[in-house]
Protein backbone atom coordinates (compact mmCIF):
# COMPACT_ATOMS: atom_id res chain seq x y z
CA MET A 1 49.53 -13.82 55.13
CA PRO A 2 48.28 -11.49 58.06
CA VAL A 3 47.50 -7.97 57.45
CA ASP A 4 48.82 -5.21 59.03
CA ALA A 5 46.10 -3.61 61.38
CA SER A 6 47.43 -0.17 60.33
CA THR A 7 47.11 -1.38 56.52
CA PRO A 8 43.63 0.84 55.02
CA THR A 9 41.75 -1.29 53.99
CA SER A 10 38.71 -0.12 51.22
CA PRO A 11 35.03 -0.02 52.41
CA ALA A 12 32.83 -3.23 52.19
CA ARG A 13 31.45 -3.02 48.78
CA PRO A 14 27.94 -4.90 48.33
CA SER A 15 28.22 -7.87 46.56
CA LEU A 16 26.71 -8.89 42.65
CA GLY A 17 23.85 -10.41 44.41
CA ARG A 18 22.75 -8.13 47.05
CA LYS A 19 23.29 -5.07 43.64
CA LEU A 20 20.54 -7.53 41.95
CA LYS A 21 18.26 -8.43 44.61
CA PHE A 22 17.42 -4.21 45.47
CA THR A 23 17.42 -3.83 41.63
CA LEU A 24 14.25 -6.49 41.34
CA ILE A 25 12.81 -4.90 44.41
CA ALA A 26 13.14 -1.31 43.33
CA LEU A 27 11.43 -2.71 39.69
CA VAL A 28 8.53 -4.63 41.40
CA ALA A 29 7.69 -1.67 43.35
CA GLY A 30 7.87 0.66 40.25
CA ILE A 31 5.90 -1.70 38.48
CA ALA A 32 3.18 -1.57 41.34
CA LEU A 33 3.03 1.78 41.50
CA LEU A 34 2.53 2.26 38.02
CA ALA A 35 -0.14 -0.53 37.78
CA VAL A 36 -2.11 1.46 40.86
CA ILE A 37 -1.77 4.66 38.58
CA THR A 38 -2.39 3.52 34.76
CA ARG A 39 -4.42 0.69 35.31
CA GLY A 40 -5.84 -1.09 31.85
CA THR A 41 -9.47 -0.86 30.98
CA PRO A 42 -10.44 -4.47 30.04
CA ASP A 43 -14.10 -3.78 30.20
CA SER A 44 -13.52 -1.29 27.46
CA VAL A 45 -11.49 -3.62 25.26
CA ARG A 46 -13.96 -6.42 25.55
CA ALA A 47 -16.68 -3.98 24.70
CA GLN A 48 -15.43 -2.90 21.63
CA LEU A 49 -14.78 -6.47 20.34
CA GLU A 50 -18.15 -7.50 21.08
CA ALA A 51 -19.42 -4.14 18.77
CA MET A 52 -16.71 -5.62 15.98
CA ARG A 53 -18.28 -9.03 16.04
CA ALA A 54 -21.59 -7.63 16.32
CA ALA A 55 -20.68 -6.01 12.63
CA GLY A 56 -19.50 -9.49 11.57
CA GLU A 57 -15.86 -8.38 11.93
CA PRO A 58 -13.13 -10.68 12.51
CA THR A 59 -11.19 -9.89 15.82
CA ASP A 60 -9.12 -13.08 15.48
CA ALA A 61 -6.97 -15.47 12.90
CA THR A 62 -10.41 -17.72 13.01
CA SER A 63 -12.80 -15.24 12.34
CA LEU A 64 -10.67 -13.59 9.92
CA ALA A 65 -10.15 -17.08 8.16
CA THR A 66 -14.40 -16.99 7.95
CA TRP A 67 -14.85 -13.60 7.23
CA ILE A 68 -12.25 -14.13 3.76
CA PRO A 69 -13.88 -17.45 2.62
CA PRO A 70 -11.78 -19.32 0.63
CA VAL A 71 -12.44 -19.70 -3.35
CA PRO A 72 -12.91 -23.51 -4.63
CA ALA A 73 -9.87 -24.65 -6.46
CA SER A 74 -11.84 -24.96 -9.68
CA GLU A 75 -13.03 -20.91 -9.95
CA ASN A 76 -10.26 -19.50 -8.45
CA GLY A 77 -7.74 -17.85 -11.27
CA ALA A 78 -5.08 -17.13 -9.29
CA ILE A 79 -4.01 -20.40 -9.50
CA LYS A 80 -3.32 -20.48 -12.78
CA LEU A 81 -1.98 -17.24 -12.77
CA LEU A 82 0.54 -18.26 -10.29
CA GLU A 83 2.19 -20.76 -12.04
CA LEU A 84 2.94 -18.42 -15.28
CA ILE A 85 4.38 -15.51 -13.13
CA ASP A 86 5.64 -17.03 -10.07
CA GLY A 87 9.76 -17.05 -11.10
CA PHE A 88 9.01 -15.72 -14.66
CA ARG A 89 11.78 -13.48 -15.82
CA GLY A 90 10.46 -10.42 -16.82
CA ALA A 91 11.33 -7.73 -18.93
CA ASP A 92 15.08 -6.33 -18.09
CA HIS A 93 14.20 -2.86 -16.57
CA THR A 94 17.69 -1.78 -17.19
CA GLN A 95 16.65 -1.34 -20.96
CA VAL A 96 13.19 -0.28 -20.61
CA PRO A 97 13.05 3.65 -21.75
CA ARG A 98 12.21 5.72 -19.08
CA ARG A 99 10.05 7.91 -21.11
CA ALA A 100 8.41 6.83 -24.64
CA ARG A 101 10.31 9.04 -26.26
CA SER A 102 13.44 7.51 -25.54
CA TRP A 103 12.81 4.45 -27.26
CA ASN A 104 15.72 3.86 -29.89
CA ALA A 105 17.57 1.13 -32.48
CA THR A 106 19.06 -0.46 -29.63
CA ASN A 107 15.82 -0.78 -27.17
CA LEU A 108 13.99 -2.13 -30.41
CA ALA A 109 16.74 -4.18 -30.99
CA TRP A 110 16.93 -6.09 -27.64
CA ALA A 111 12.79 -5.93 -27.10
CA ALA A 112 13.07 -8.28 -30.79
CA ALA A 113 15.21 -10.61 -29.46
CA GLU A 114 12.60 -11.23 -26.33
CA SER A 115 9.04 -10.80 -28.21
CA ALA A 116 8.90 -14.16 -29.23
CA ARG A 117 9.00 -15.22 -25.27
CA LEU A 118 7.28 -12.37 -23.72
CA GLN A 119 4.09 -12.63 -26.66
CA SER A 120 3.56 -16.16 -25.55
CA TRP A 121 3.61 -15.68 -22.15
CA ARG A 122 1.15 -12.61 -22.58
CA ASN A 123 -0.79 -14.94 -24.33
CA ASP A 124 -1.15 -17.46 -21.40
CA VAL A 125 -2.08 -14.89 -18.72
CA HIS A 126 -4.71 -13.36 -20.66
CA THR A 127 -6.39 -16.49 -21.07
CA ALA A 128 -6.18 -17.16 -17.00
CA LEU A 129 -7.34 -13.47 -16.37
CA GLN A 130 -10.45 -14.26 -17.84
CA ALA A 131 -11.18 -16.05 -14.32
CA THR A 132 -13.79 -14.13 -12.32
CA ARG A 133 -12.68 -15.01 -8.82
CA PHE A 134 -8.87 -14.40 -7.25
CA ARG A 135 -7.77 -15.74 -4.03
CA TYR A 136 -3.69 -16.08 -3.83
CA PRO A 137 -2.72 -18.08 -0.62
CA LEU A 138 -2.45 -16.14 2.10
CA GLY A 139 -2.75 -18.58 5.06
CA VAL A 140 -4.35 -15.95 7.02
CA THR A 141 -5.11 -18.32 10.23
CA ASN A 142 -1.51 -19.01 10.59
CA GLY A 143 -1.41 -15.03 12.13
CA VAL A 144 0.47 -12.21 11.08
CA ALA A 145 4.16 -13.48 11.42
CA ASN A 146 3.49 -16.61 9.04
CA LEU A 147 1.03 -15.27 6.16
CA ARG A 148 2.26 -15.90 2.65
CA ILE A 149 2.95 -13.02 0.59
CA SER A 150 5.64 -14.09 -1.79
CA HIS A 151 2.85 -13.58 -4.64
CA LEU A 152 2.83 -10.03 -4.41
CA SER A 153 6.19 -9.10 -5.98
CA ALA A 154 5.31 -11.59 -8.64
CA VAL A 155 2.07 -9.67 -9.34
CA LYS A 156 3.87 -6.53 -9.39
CA ASN A 157 6.49 -8.04 -11.75
CA ALA A 158 4.03 -9.65 -14.27
CA SER A 159 2.09 -5.64 -14.30
CA THR A 160 5.67 -4.26 -15.21
CA THR A 161 6.21 -6.53 -18.05
CA LEU A 162 2.65 -6.22 -19.55
CA ALA A 163 3.26 -2.27 -19.25
CA PHE A 164 6.27 -2.99 -20.63
CA TRP A 165 5.17 -4.62 -23.94
CA ALA A 166 2.36 -2.38 -24.04
CA SER A 167 5.08 0.54 -24.61
CA HIS A 168 6.82 -1.85 -26.45
CA SER A 169 4.03 -2.66 -28.90
CA ALA A 170 3.36 0.92 -29.38
CA ALA A 171 6.58 1.97 -30.61
CA LEU A 172 6.27 -0.61 -33.07
CA LYS A 173 3.07 1.09 -33.85
CA LEU A 174 0.90 -2.00 -32.83
CA PRO A 175 -1.91 -0.30 -31.20
CA ASP A 176 -4.43 -2.88 -30.62
CA GLU A 177 -2.06 -5.41 -29.24
CA SER A 178 -0.48 -2.27 -27.02
CA ALA A 179 -4.06 -1.72 -25.76
CA SER A 180 -4.82 -5.22 -25.17
CA ALA A 181 -1.51 -5.24 -22.82
CA LEU A 182 -2.21 -2.47 -20.91
CA LEU A 183 -5.56 -4.15 -20.51
CA ASP A 184 -4.10 -6.89 -18.98
CA ALA A 185 -1.93 -4.98 -16.86
CA ILE A 186 -5.27 -3.69 -15.20
CA ARG A 187 -6.78 -6.48 -14.81
CA THR A 188 -3.61 -8.17 -13.21
CA ALA A 189 -3.78 -5.26 -10.63
CA ARG A 190 -7.55 -6.12 -9.98
CA THR A 191 -6.98 -9.87 -8.85
CA PHE A 192 -6.40 -7.79 -5.48
CA ASP A 193 -9.90 -6.31 -5.30
CA ASP A 194 -11.12 -9.02 -2.65
CA GLU A 195 -7.57 -9.55 -1.15
CA PRO A 196 -7.70 -8.10 2.15
CA ILE A 197 -4.54 -7.06 3.51
CA LEU A 198 -3.15 -3.84 3.62
CA ILE A 199 0.50 -4.48 1.64
CA SER A 200 -1.91 -6.51 -1.04
CA TRP A 201 -3.91 -3.24 -1.47
CA LEU A 202 -0.49 -1.06 -2.10
CA VAL A 203 0.97 -3.29 -4.80
CA ARG A 204 -2.56 -3.09 -6.53
CA ALA A 205 -2.41 0.55 -6.36
CA ALA A 206 1.40 0.59 -7.48
CA CYS A 207 0.57 -2.06 -10.52
CA LEU A 208 -2.48 0.24 -11.78
CA SER A 209 0.56 3.64 -11.21
CA ILE A 210 2.88 1.82 -13.33
CA THR A 211 0.14 0.77 -15.97
CA ALA A 212 -1.60 4.59 -16.43
CA VAL A 213 2.42 5.54 -16.55
CA ALA A 214 2.74 2.90 -19.52
CA ALA A 215 -0.57 4.40 -20.54
CA GLU A 216 1.40 7.78 -21.21
CA ASN A 217 3.84 6.02 -22.75
CA ALA A 218 2.04 3.93 -25.44
CA LEU A 219 -0.35 6.95 -26.08
CA THR A 220 2.67 9.44 -26.89
CA LEU A 221 4.28 7.14 -29.09
CA THR A 222 1.67 6.06 -31.00
CA ALA A 223 -2.65 6.99 -31.73
CA PHE A 224 -4.91 4.26 -30.50
CA PRO A 225 -8.50 3.18 -32.38
CA ASP A 226 -11.39 4.48 -30.68
CA ALA A 227 -12.68 1.19 -29.71
CA ARG A 228 -9.56 0.02 -27.87
CA LEU A 229 -9.81 3.70 -26.28
CA ALA A 230 -13.01 3.16 -25.01
CA GLU A 231 -12.34 0.07 -23.65
CA LEU A 232 -8.89 1.69 -21.48
CA GLN A 233 -11.33 4.52 -20.07
CA ALA A 234 -13.33 2.20 -19.24
CA ALA A 235 -11.48 -0.26 -17.59
CA PHE A 236 -9.40 2.86 -15.73
CA LEU A 237 -12.85 4.07 -14.42
CA ASN A 238 -13.64 1.28 -12.81
CA ALA A 239 -10.27 0.13 -11.29
CA ASP A 240 -11.47 2.96 -9.36
CA ARG A 241 -12.72 1.57 -5.22
CA SER A 242 -12.46 2.30 -2.50
CA GLU A 243 -13.82 -1.07 -0.73
CA PRO A 244 -10.09 -2.79 -0.63
CA LEU A 245 -8.79 0.01 1.46
CA SER A 246 -11.57 -0.47 4.32
CA ARG A 247 -11.86 -3.99 4.29
CA ALA A 248 -7.79 -4.31 3.98
CA LEU A 249 -7.90 -1.74 6.94
CA ILE A 250 -9.93 -4.36 9.15
CA THR A 251 -7.75 -7.38 8.36
CA GLU A 252 -5.01 -5.09 9.52
CA ARG A 253 -7.43 -4.20 12.76
CA THR A 254 -7.05 -8.04 13.32
CA PHE A 255 -3.49 -8.40 12.59
CA GLY A 256 -2.92 -5.34 14.98
CA LEU A 257 -4.68 -6.74 17.50
CA GLU A 258 -2.32 -10.45 17.28
CA VAL A 259 0.71 -7.90 18.10
CA LEU A 260 -1.13 -5.36 20.72
CA GLN A 261 -2.39 -8.90 22.64
CA SER A 262 0.78 -11.03 22.23
CA SER A 263 2.81 -12.31 25.38
CA PRO A 264 6.37 -9.86 26.42
CA SER A 265 8.72 -12.49 24.17
CA GLN A 266 6.16 -12.64 21.03
CA TYR A 267 6.29 -8.92 20.62
CA VAL A 268 9.94 -9.08 20.67
CA LYS A 269 10.01 -11.90 18.27
CA LEU A 270 7.56 -10.44 16.00
CA ASN A 271 9.64 -6.59 15.71
CA GLN A 272 12.99 -8.55 15.34
CA VAL A 273 14.42 -7.96 11.97
CA PRO A 274 14.52 -11.11 9.93
CA SER A 275 18.01 -12.45 10.02
CA GLY A 276 18.44 -13.46 6.57
CA ILE A 277 18.01 -9.54 5.58
CA PRO A 278 21.31 -8.55 3.98
CA GLY A 279 23.23 -6.16 6.70
CA ALA A 280 20.70 -6.52 8.74
CA PRO A 281 21.91 -6.33 12.35
CA SER A 282 20.83 -8.78 14.17
CA ALA A 283 19.35 -8.54 18.17
CA SER A 284 22.10 -10.03 20.77
CA ASN A 285 20.72 -12.38 23.68
CA VAL A 286 21.09 -9.27 25.99
CA GLU A 287 19.12 -6.97 23.65
CA ARG A 288 15.87 -9.88 23.50
CA ILE A 289 16.62 -10.13 27.36
CA THR A 290 16.49 -6.59 27.65
CA ALA A 291 13.40 -6.04 25.07
CA THR A 292 11.71 -9.00 26.84
CA LEU A 293 11.47 -7.43 30.36
CA ALA A 294 10.47 -3.85 29.07
CA GLN A 295 7.66 -5.62 27.66
CA THR A 296 6.91 -7.46 30.75
CA GLY A 297 6.79 -4.17 32.92
CA TYR A 298 4.64 -2.96 30.52
CA GLN A 299 2.25 -5.39 30.57
CA LEU A 300 1.56 -5.88 34.53
CA SER A 301 1.60 -2.00 34.46
CA GLY A 302 -1.86 -2.15 32.78
CA GLY A 303 -0.12 -0.27 29.79
CA GLN A 304 -1.11 -3.26 27.59
CA GLY A 305 -4.77 -2.82 27.93
CA SER A 306 -4.66 0.66 27.65
CA ASP A 307 -2.91 0.68 24.67
CA THR A 308 -5.14 -1.89 23.20
CA GLU A 309 -7.85 -0.08 23.75
CA TYR A 310 -6.55 3.25 22.22
CA TYR A 311 -5.46 0.90 19.31
CA LEU A 312 -9.17 0.07 18.45
CA LYS A 313 -10.67 3.58 18.61
CA THR A 314 -8.10 4.72 16.73
CA LEU A 315 -8.66 1.94 13.75
CA ARG A 316 -12.66 1.94 14.67
CA GLU A 317 -12.45 6.10 13.10
CA LEU A 318 -9.50 5.35 10.55
CA ILE A 319 -12.11 2.69 8.62
CA GLU A 320 -14.77 5.22 8.77
CA ILE A 321 -12.68 7.65 7.70
CA SER A 322 -11.71 5.27 4.50
CA ARG A 323 -15.18 5.11 3.81
CA LEU A 324 -15.48 9.27 3.15
CA SER A 325 -14.74 10.94 -0.61
CA GLY A 326 -13.20 14.15 -1.39
CA PRO A 327 -12.09 16.56 0.89
CA ALA A 328 -14.28 15.74 3.81
CA ARG A 329 -12.21 12.24 4.07
CA MET A 330 -8.88 13.80 3.99
CA ASN A 331 -9.48 16.61 6.35
CA ALA A 332 -10.49 14.08 8.69
CA LEU A 333 -7.54 12.10 8.00
CA LEU A 334 -5.61 14.83 8.66
CA LYS A 335 -6.93 15.92 12.18
CA LEU A 336 -7.02 12.04 13.31
CA GLN A 337 -3.28 11.91 12.28
CA ASN A 338 -2.80 15.01 13.94
CA ARG A 339 -4.16 13.96 16.66
CA PHE A 340 -2.59 10.68 16.92
CA ASP A 341 1.07 12.04 16.21
CA LYS A 342 0.45 13.76 19.78
CA GLU A 343 -1.75 11.29 21.77
CA SER A 344 -0.10 7.96 20.60
CA ASN A 345 3.77 8.99 22.15
CA ARG A 346 2.42 8.63 25.47
CA TRP A 347 4.45 5.27 27.25
CA ASN A 348 1.38 3.68 27.28
CA ARG A 349 0.43 3.45 23.74
CA HIS A 350 3.66 2.23 22.02
CA ARG A 351 2.57 -0.53 20.12
CA SER A 352 -0.39 1.11 19.27
CA ARG A 353 1.93 3.83 17.26
CA ALA A 354 4.58 0.87 16.10
CA THR A 355 1.49 -0.60 14.44
CA ALA A 356 -1.08 1.83 13.41
CA GLU A 357 1.40 4.22 12.21
CA ALA A 358 2.20 3.30 8.55
CA LEU A 359 -1.57 3.14 8.17
CA PHE A 360 -2.11 7.22 7.77
CA GLU A 361 0.04 6.75 4.35
CA ALA A 362 -1.94 4.24 3.50
CA ALA A 363 -4.91 5.87 3.33
CA LYS A 364 -3.21 8.84 1.53
CA LYS A 365 -2.25 6.71 -1.01
CA ASP A 366 -5.63 5.51 -1.70
CA GLN A 367 -6.73 9.00 -2.52
CA ARG A 368 -3.18 9.65 -4.79
CA ALA A 369 -4.41 6.49 -6.93
CA ALA A 370 -8.10 7.45 -7.25
CA THR A 371 -6.55 11.15 -8.63
CA ILE A 372 -4.26 8.80 -11.40
CA LEU A 373 -7.42 6.38 -12.49
CA ARG A 374 -9.60 9.40 -13.11
CA SER A 375 -7.21 11.27 -14.97
CA ALA A 376 -5.82 8.68 -17.09
CA SER A 377 -9.31 7.87 -17.69
CA VAL A 378 -10.30 11.28 -18.68
CA GLY A 379 -6.84 10.81 -20.95
CA CYS A 380 -8.62 8.40 -22.86
CA ALA A 381 -11.65 10.35 -23.15
CA ILE A 382 -9.42 13.15 -24.97
CA GLU A 383 -7.96 10.81 -27.23
CA ARG A 384 -11.35 9.85 -28.36
CA PHE A 385 -11.95 13.27 -29.15
CA ARG A 386 -9.41 13.76 -31.12
CA ASN A 387 -9.33 10.59 -33.19
CA ALA A 388 -13.08 12.16 -34.45
CA HIS A 389 -11.63 15.89 -34.82
CA GLN A 390 -8.48 15.56 -36.76
CA GLY A 391 -6.39 15.01 -33.78
CA LYS A 392 -7.25 18.41 -32.65
CA LEU A 393 -7.43 18.69 -28.56
CA PRO A 394 -10.71 19.72 -26.70
CA SER A 395 -10.84 23.79 -25.69
CA SER A 396 -12.19 22.48 -22.16
CA LEU A 397 -13.08 19.04 -20.87
CA ALA A 398 -16.46 20.23 -21.26
CA ASP A 399 -16.20 19.45 -24.81
CA LEU A 400 -16.22 15.48 -23.91
CA ILE A 401 -19.65 15.89 -22.62
CA PRO A 402 -21.64 13.85 -23.14
CA THR A 403 -20.60 12.14 -26.39
CA TYR A 404 -17.20 11.02 -24.39
CA LEU A 405 -17.68 11.43 -20.53
CA PRO A 406 -21.47 11.71 -18.49
CA SER A 407 -19.41 14.27 -16.66
CA ILE A 408 -15.90 15.66 -15.53
CA PRO A 409 -14.83 13.16 -12.68
CA LEU A 410 -14.18 14.58 -9.61
CA ASP A 411 -10.19 15.47 -8.02
CA PRO A 412 -10.44 13.18 -5.20
CA ALA A 413 -8.71 15.98 -2.79
CA ASN A 414 -11.08 18.82 -3.31
CA ASP A 415 -14.06 17.43 -5.25
CA GLN A 416 -13.37 20.33 -7.92
CA PRO A 417 -13.11 18.66 -11.70
CA LEU A 418 -10.05 17.26 -13.02
CA ARG A 419 -8.02 20.18 -14.22
CA PHE A 420 -6.93 20.02 -18.51
CA ARG A 421 -4.07 22.15 -20.37
CA PRO A 422 -2.76 21.47 -23.47
CA LEU A 423 1.08 20.74 -24.16
CA ASN A 424 3.08 21.53 -27.22
CA PRO A 425 2.57 19.12 -28.37
CA GLY A 426 -0.41 16.75 -26.53
CA PHE A 427 -2.02 17.78 -23.16
CA VAL A 428 -1.92 17.15 -19.27
CA VAL A 429 -4.87 15.84 -16.55
CA TYR A 430 -4.04 16.56 -13.42
CA GLY A 431 -5.59 16.51 -9.83
CA VAL A 432 -3.85 18.81 -7.54
CA GLY A 433 -0.79 17.17 -5.25
CA PRO A 434 -0.81 16.65 -1.65
CA ASP A 435 0.27 20.82 -0.97
CA GLY A 436 -3.63 21.50 -2.21
CA GLU A 437 -2.41 23.99 -5.06
CA ASP A 438 -3.17 23.93 -8.62
CA ASN A 439 0.75 23.73 -9.72
CA GLN A 440 -0.65 23.56 -13.52
CA GLY A 441 -0.04 19.72 -14.51
CA ASN A 442 3.72 20.26 -13.01
CA SER A 443 4.71 17.00 -12.06
CA VAL A 444 8.53 17.44 -12.15
CA ARG A 445 10.23 17.42 -8.41
CA LYS A 446 12.38 19.81 -6.82
CA VAL A 447 15.57 18.51 -4.97
CA GLY A 448 14.48 18.60 -1.67
CA ALA A 449 10.74 19.61 -1.80
CA GLY A 450 9.50 16.16 -2.09
CA ASP A 451 5.61 16.29 -2.97
CA ALA A 452 5.33 19.72 -3.34
CA GLY A 453 4.99 22.11 -5.64
CA THR A 454 3.37 19.09 -8.05
CA ASP A 455 0.32 17.83 -9.42
CA VAL A 456 -0.77 14.25 -9.68
CA THR A 457 -0.83 13.94 -13.70
CA PHE A 458 -1.77 11.88 -16.79
CA THR A 459 0.71 13.17 -19.88
CA VAL A 460 0.61 12.63 -23.41
CA GLU A 461 3.24 14.41 -25.21
CA ARG A 462 2.04 13.96 -28.89
């Protein structure tokens, strides 16, 4: 149909192909400019990697496998323990009282029905825990995305069930059985002592905290004989070790390097939420392609080299801090974290931030775990004093020296002796909480206040 020359026509629009062409030209020009301005420093990265190798520390999956030597199957207690705990139906947590005094006829009736099954299982676990070496199958040579960590939930379930059994036995006035279950719960947590990945260390700390709470409940329900208290006192104190954290951070640094140095498509894949998680949003193809293109630009600009350099520097400092103790450790940690929060906001450090951010909180949890273990150990010493003095509490922790303690353990937060306060009935041993203040052994959180106003406590209400 002919068009009337007098009919106004729309101005010519560039085609989609021309738009894409202009966009790509602008993108390439921008990347080239960034590459000039912010070129990475691979020489510095290579120097840091060489320093790690010289110190005998791993830098990739191959050297990590050598750094974590395997345990012969004939000596590996983890194999037998996993057979017993993997898939085991533990205590029904809905039936376990939250506080020691909450045990009642209903709870005890339910526990009695489960007792034969749990007692047989506990005896088998006790035997398996007599091994001296434990190494769960991790598959570290397969990379961070393929780590085998299904055993973590099984071990935590076992610790929780042993803790329940200790509380149940104390409710039945069976202190020897209760103490034995607590000791096995500590041993179960310590099967992670030589497992150098951070999530294992965190589960170890959680299991020991669960056991300390069970000890509070058990000692509230019944008195323990001196010999069992002495065993528990030593077991809690010996579990207070900082080496697992520094080893775990060295391993996490290796995993972080894998993430930092991954290709754009690999990085996007490593950071996707697994599709099997219920309710988790799945990334569309467009989102994945967009993210991959953004990572490609980031890599070409030199940001990846600068990011890796910053990550290695930060982790080196964090590992050194993890080997400190007392307030020097926490002060150095907070100083580094404040600097990291400011510096890692730069565009060419986003992988460092995503990879290292959670490691600071893990280091803080190490201090809390140490406070719990030391307080529990002192709590056992107080119970031993009570046994020898017709139930009377010491006037101060100094009364425990030298018969029950060589010295008063220090609060990891401030290097001051742990604190003690009598209750009616019972007592509380504690260290200061995150706010650094003496809150008189208060462990009850206020709504909206988090941990502020609370201490790290071990409480016996008998």
